[in-house]
Amino acid sequence: MIPRLWSFLLLACIGCGAQFDGRVYRARGVSFAVSAVPPGWQALPGREAALAFRDATAQATVLVNARCGLTSDDVPLTALTQHLFIEFTRRTIEEQTLAPFDGREALHSRLSAELDGVPMRYDVWVLKKDGCVYDLLYFAPPSTFDRGQPAFAKFAESFTTVVPHE
């Protein structure tokens, strides 16, 4: 069985016909921009999310997902965040704050959790804006998490939605 996080991200992007030019992502109904992708990040094939990267130095993965117009997303940011980790065990929220993000309030969470007994640390931003939900996730083994997290923080800070969604 595919873990809920992966199946949710996969469902959100199936058939999206997405384009990413290195700064702007466009798919049917959604678009957003980010700063330049850090040089050490390699794009992951398969498209389980709108954007997926691997930071080999930190043994980390970065996922950016976007979806619009789903009535199931009309819930609080805490519920959307919890949904990402529903099949994980030993979840420990280290820090969780509401923070300004692209002109709105987003939920920023740092947590540790296990999936199939494998411990990881996560840095997660969840934003609801203009009928869309955006998830930005960085995760790595606890021993290497701090190695790549500053690059992810800078990348996340650069995130902006692009209107209109074409």
C-alpha atoms as a PDB file:
ATOM      1  CA  MET A   1       0.000   0.000   0.000  1.00  0.00           C
ATOM      2  CA  ILE A   2       1.289   3.482  -0.902  1.00  0.00           C
ATOM      3  CA  PRO A   3       1.618   5.709   2.178  1.00  0.00           C
ATOM      4  CA  ARG A   4      -1.098   8.375   2.321  1.00  0.00           C
ATOM      5  CA  LEU A   5       1.364  11.254   1.797  1.00  0.00           C
ATOM      6  CA  TRP A   6       2.614   9.806  -1.481  1.00  0.00           C
ATOM      7  CA  SER A   7      -0.789   8.726  -2.774  1.00  0.00           C
ATOM      8  CA  PHE A   8      -2.254  12.135  -1.956  1.00  0.00           C
ATOM      9  CA  LEU A   9       0.556  13.923  -3.806  1.00  0.00           C
ATOM     10  CA  LEU A  10       0.345  11.545  -6.738  1.00  0.00           C
ATOM     11  CA  LEU A  11      -3.412  12.005  -7.064  1.00  0.00           C
ATOM     12  CA  ALA A  12      -3.012  15.773  -7.020  1.00  0.00           C
ATOM     13  CA  CYS A  13      -0.710  15.767 -10.038  1.00  0.00           C
ATOM     14  CA  ILE A  14      -1.973  12.939 -12.267  1.00  0.00           C
ATOM     15  CA  GLY A  15      -2.479  14.307 -15.748  1.00  0.00           C
ATOM     16  CA  CYS A  16      -1.521  17.807 -14.759  1.00  0.00           C
ATOM     17  CA  GLY A  17       0.518  18.512 -17.927  1.00  0.00           C
ATOM     18  CA  ALA A  18       2.851  20.603 -15.832  1.00  0.00           C
ATOM     19  CA  GLN A  19       5.654  22.861 -16.969  1.00  0.00           C
ATOM     20  CA  PHE A  20       8.516  24.133 -14.812  1.00  0.00           C
ATOM     21  CA  ASP A  21      11.092  26.497 -16.282  1.00  0.00           C
ATOM     22  CA  GLY A  22      13.334  26.509 -13.206  1.00  0.00           C
ATOM     23  CA  ARG A  23      11.438  29.352 -11.550  1.00  0.00           C
ATOM     24  CA  VAL A  24       7.737  29.182 -12.509  1.00  0.00           C
ATOM     25  CA  TYR A  25       5.554  26.085 -12.278  1.00  0.00           C
ATOM     26  CA  ARG A  26       2.352  25.996 -14.358  1.00  0.00           C
ATOM     27  CA  ALA A  27      -0.269  23.281 -14.563  1.00  0.00           C
ATOM     28  CA  ARG A  28      -3.986  23.312 -15.207  1.00  0.00           C
ATOM     29  CA  GLY A  29      -5.544  25.522 -12.565  1.00  0.00           C
ATOM     30  CA  VAL A  30      -2.405  26.302 -10.570  1.00  0.00           C
ATOM     31  CA  SER A  31       0.825  28.230 -10.904  1.00  0.00           C
ATOM     32  CA  PHE A  32       3.537  29.432  -8.554  1.00  0.00           C
ATOM     33  CA  ALA A  33       7.072  30.767  -8.603  1.00  0.00           C
ATOM     34  CA  VAL A  34      10.172  29.973  -6.560  1.00  0.00           C
ATOM     35  CA  SER A  35      13.721  31.255  -6.510  1.00  0.00           C
ATOM     36  CA  ALA A  36      16.353  29.352  -8.391  1.00  0.00           C
ATOM     37  CA  VAL A  37      16.615  25.740  -7.288  1.00  0.00           C
ATOM     38  CA  PRO A  38      19.789  25.279  -5.217  1.00  0.00           C
ATOM     39  CA  PRO A  39      22.620  23.798  -7.308  1.00  0.00           C
ATOM     40  CA  GLY A  40      22.903  20.633  -5.203  1.00  0.00           C
ATOM     41  CA  TRP A  41      19.264  19.663  -5.694  1.00  0.00           C
ATOM     42  CA  GLN A  42      18.461  17.175  -8.439  1.00  0.00           C
ATOM     43  CA  ALA A  43      14.966  16.879  -9.918  1.00  0.00           C
ATOM     44  CA  LEU A  44      13.284  13.578  -9.138  1.00  0.00           C
ATOM     45  CA  PRO A  45      11.512  11.784 -11.956  1.00  0.00           C
ATOM     46  CA  GLY A  46       8.044  10.369 -11.476  1.00  0.00           C
ATOM     47  CA  ARG A  47       6.263  13.510 -10.417  1.00  0.00           C
ATOM     48  CA  GLU A  48       4.764  12.361  -7.113  1.00  0.00           C
ATOM     49  CA  ALA A  49       4.369  16.098  -6.437  1.00  0.00           C
ATOM     50  CA  ALA A  50       4.301  19.251  -8.519  1.00  0.00           C
ATOM     51  CA  LEU A  51       8.041  19.562  -7.879  1.00  0.00           C
ATOM     52  CA  ALA A  52      10.329  16.977  -6.305  1.00  0.00           C
ATOM     53  CA  PHE A  53      14.050  17.280  -5.616  1.00  0.00           C
ATOM     54  CA  ARG A  54      16.767  15.273  -3.932  1.00  0.00           C
ATOM     55  CA  ASP A  55      19.538  16.933  -1.972  1.00  0.00           C
ATOM     56  CA  ALA A  56      22.160  14.189  -1.920  1.00  0.00           C
ATOM     57  CA  THR A  57      24.442  16.135   0.436  1.00  0.00           C
ATOM     58  CA  ALA A  58      21.800  16.109   3.163  1.00  0.00           C
ATOM     59  CA  GLN A  59      20.190  12.828   2.049  1.00  0.00           C
ATOM     60  CA  ALA A  60      17.014  14.941   1.905  1.00  0.00           C
ATOM     61  CA  THR A  61      13.949  15.172  -0.277  1.00  0.00           C
ATOM     62  CA  VAL A  62      12.044  18.354  -1.122  1.00  0.00           C
ATOM     63  CA  LEU A  63       8.441  18.226  -2.346  1.00  0.00           C
ATOM     64  CA  VAL A  64       6.231  21.086  -3.472  1.00  0.00           C
ATOM     65  CA  ASN A  65       2.611  20.323  -4.177  1.00  0.00           C
ATOM     66  CA  ALA A  66      -0.291  22.473  -5.282  1.00  0.00           C
ATOM     67  CA  ARG A  67      -3.952  21.688  -5.793  1.00  0.00           C
ATOM     68  CA  CYS A  68      -6.983  23.858  -6.342  1.00  0.00           C
ATOM     69  CA  GLY A  69     -10.729  23.614  -6.061  1.00  0.00           C
ATOM     70  CA  LEU A  70     -11.059  20.560  -3.808  1.00  0.00           C
ATOM     71  CA  THR A  71     -13.877  20.863  -1.273  1.00  0.00           C
ATOM     72  CA  SER A  72     -12.006  18.424   0.972  1.00  0.00           C
ATOM     73  CA  ASP A  73      -9.339  21.128   1.408  1.00  0.00           C
ATOM     74  CA  ASP A  74     -11.812  23.490   3.117  1.00  0.00           C
ATOM     75  CA  VAL A  75     -10.476  22.589   6.564  1.00  0.00           C
ATOM     76  CA  PRO A  76      -8.051  24.271   8.982  1.00  0.00           C
ATOM     77  CA  LEU A  77      -4.334  24.325   8.222  1.00  0.00           C
ATOM     78  CA  THR A  78      -3.657  21.993  11.163  1.00  0.00           C
ATOM     79  CA  ALA A  79      -5.952  19.349   9.651  1.00  0.00           C
ATOM     80  CA  LEU A  80      -4.269  19.666   6.243  1.00  0.00           C
ATOM     81  CA  THR A  81      -0.869  19.247   7.882  1.00  0.00           C
ATOM     82  CA  GLN A  82      -1.983  16.265   9.970  1.00  0.00           C
ATOM     83  CA  HIS A  83      -3.399  14.627   6.853  1.00  0.00           C
ATOM     84  CA  LEU A  84       0.077  14.590   5.312  1.00  0.00           C
ATOM     85  CA  PHE A  85       1.311  12.420   8.186  1.00  0.00           C
ATOM     86  CA  ILE A  86      -1.736  10.267   8.912  1.00  0.00           C
ATOM     87  CA  GLU A  87       0.012   6.922   8.320  1.00  0.00           C
ATOM     88  CA  PHE A  88       3.183   7.893  10.172  1.00  0.00           C
ATOM     89  CA  THR A  89       4.004   6.746  13.684  1.00  0.00           C
ATOM     90  CA  ARG A  90       5.868   8.319  16.574  1.00  0.00           C
ATOM     91  CA  ARG A  91       4.960  11.805  15.397  1.00  0.00           C
ATOM     92  CA  THR A  92       6.439  14.513  17.568  1.00  0.00           C
ATOM     93  CA  ILE A  93       5.751  18.121  16.717  1.00  0.00           C
ATOM     94  CA  GLU A  94       8.893  20.047  17.594  1.00  0.00           C
ATOM     95  CA  GLU A  95       7.556  23.447  16.558  1.00  0.00           C
ATOM     96  CA  GLN A  96       4.336  24.633  14.946  1.00  0.00           C
ATOM     97  CA  THR A  97       3.502  28.274  14.267  1.00  0.00           C
ATOM     98  CA  LEU A  98       1.222  30.372  12.130  1.00  0.00           C
ATOM     99  CA  ALA A  99       3.389  32.674  10.053  1.00  0.00           C
ATOM    100  CA  PRO A 100       3.047  35.110   7.163  1.00  0.00           C
ATOM    101  CA  PHE A 101       3.679  33.331   3.884  1.00  0.00           C
ATOM    102  CA  ASP A 102       3.046  34.794   0.427  1.00  0.00           C
ATOM    103  CA  GLY A 103       0.686  37.420   1.812  1.00  0.00           C
ATOM    104  CA  ARG A 104      -1.380  34.955   3.853  1.00  0.00           C
ATOM    105  CA  GLU A 105      -1.128  33.023   7.050  1.00  0.00           C
ATOM    106  CA  ALA A 106       0.443  29.581   6.685  1.00  0.00           C
ATOM    107  CA  LEU A 107       1.173  26.807   9.139  1.00  0.00           C
ATOM    108  CA  HIS A 108       4.887  26.114   9.532  1.00  0.00           C
ATOM    109  CA  SER A 109       5.690  22.843  11.268  1.00  0.00           C
ATOM    110  CA  ARG A 110       8.844  21.041  12.232  1.00  0.00           C
ATOM    111  CA  LEU A 111       8.376  17.498  13.376  1.00  0.00           C
ATOM    112  CA  SER A 112       9.883  14.081  13.616  1.00  0.00           C
ATOM    113  CA  ALA A 113       8.020  10.956  12.602  1.00  0.00           C
ATOM    114  CA  GLU A 114       8.563   7.415  11.447  1.00  0.00           C
ATOM    115  CA  LEU A 115       7.246   5.648   8.393  1.00  0.00           C
ATOM    116  CA  ASP A 116       7.714   1.883   8.378  1.00  0.00           C
ATOM    117  CA  GLY A 117      10.088   2.290  11.329  1.00  0.00           C
ATOM    118  CA  VAL A 118      12.383   4.769   9.534  1.00  0.00           C
ATOM    119  CA  PRO A 119      12.857   7.983  11.526  1.00  0.00           C
ATOM    120  CA  MET A 120      12.910  11.289   9.652  1.00  0.00           C
ATOM    121  CA  ARG A 121      12.661  14.982  10.479  1.00  0.00           C
ATOM    122  CA  TYR A 122      10.353  17.270   8.517  1.00  0.00           C
ATOM    123  CA  ASP A 123      10.071  20.978   7.808  1.00  0.00           C
ATOM    124  CA  VAL A 124       6.613  21.671   6.362  1.00  0.00           C
ATOM    125  CA  TRP A 125       4.742  24.750   5.139  1.00  0.00           C
ATOM    126  CA  VAL A 126       1.011  24.494   4.373  1.00  0.00           C
ATOM    127  CA  LEU A 127      -0.707  27.470   2.748  1.00  0.00           C
ATOM    128  CA  LYS A 128      -4.301  28.012   1.633  1.00  0.00           C
ATOM    129  CA  LYS A 129      -4.734  30.834  -0.871  1.00  0.00           C
ATOM    130  CA  ASP A 130      -7.348  31.696  -3.506  1.00  0.00           C
ATOM    131  CA  GLY A 131      -9.024  28.277  -3.396  1.00  0.00           C
ATOM    132  CA  CYS A 132      -5.708  26.385  -3.568  1.00  0.00           C
ATOM    133  CA  VAL A 133      -3.563  24.499  -1.062  1.00  0.00           C
ATOM    134  CA  TYR A 134       0.224  24.506  -1.301  1.00  0.00           C
ATOM    135  CA  ASP A 135       2.459  22.103   0.631  1.00  0.00           C
ATOM    136  CA  LEU A 136       6.223  22.554   0.808  1.00  0.00           C
ATOM    137  CA  LEU A 137       8.066  19.706   2.533  1.00  0.00           C
ATOM    138  CA  TYR A 138      11.679  19.034   3.356  1.00  0.00           C
ATOM    139  CA  PHE A 139      12.609  15.764   5.016  1.00  0.00           C
ATOM    140  CA  ALA A 140      15.835  14.039   5.916  1.00  0.00           C
ATOM    141  CA  PRO A 141      17.294  11.613   8.434  1.00  0.00           C
ATOM    142  CA  PRO A 142      17.734  13.269  11.839  1.00  0.00           C
ATOM    143  CA  SER A 143      21.532  13.146  11.529  1.00  0.00           C
ATOM    144  CA  THR A 144      21.603  15.147   8.266  1.00  0.00           C
ATOM    145  CA  PHE A 145      18.472  17.308   8.583  1.00  0.00           C
ATOM    146  CA  ASP A 146      20.345  20.486   9.568  1.00  0.00           C
ATOM    147  CA  ARG A 147      22.741  20.130   6.636  1.00  0.00           C
ATOM    148  CA  GLY A 148      20.180  21.033   3.975  1.00  0.00           C
ATOM    149  CA  GLN A 149      17.406  22.755   5.914  1.00  0.00           C
ATOM    150  CA  PRO A 150      18.794  26.327   5.477  1.00  0.00           C
ATOM    151  CA  ALA A 151      18.663  25.949   1.665  1.00  0.00           C
ATOM    152  CA  PHE A 152      15.077  24.723   1.953  1.00  0.00           C
ATOM    153  CA  ALA A 153      14.161  27.647   4.228  1.00  0.00           C
ATOM    154  CA  LYS A 154      15.495  30.110   1.648  1.00  0.00           C
ATOM    155  CA  PHE A 155      13.681  28.245  -1.145  1.00  0.00           C
ATOM    156  CA  ALA A 156      10.396  28.248   0.822  1.00  0.00           C
ATOM    157  CA  GLU A 157      10.731  31.966   1.622  1.00  0.00           C
ATOM    158  CA  SER A 158      10.869  32.667  -2.120  1.00  0.00           C
ATOM    159  CA  PHE A 159       7.561  30.902  -2.855  1.00  0.00           C
ATOM    160  CA  THR A 160       4.840  33.068  -4.419  1.00  0.00           C
ATOM    161  CA  THR A 161       1.606  32.182  -6.138  1.00  0.00           C
ATOM    162  CA  VAL A 162       1.160  33.366  -9.705  1.00  0.00           C
ATOM    163  CA  VAL A 163      -2.247  34.662 -10.755  1.00  0.00           C
ATOM    164  CA  PRO A 164      -4.146  33.987 -12.842  1.00  0.00           C
ATOM    165  CA  HIS A 165      -3.981  30.196 -12.587  1.00  0.00           C
ATOM    166  CA  GLU A 166      -3.991  29.188 -16.227  1.00  0.00           C
END
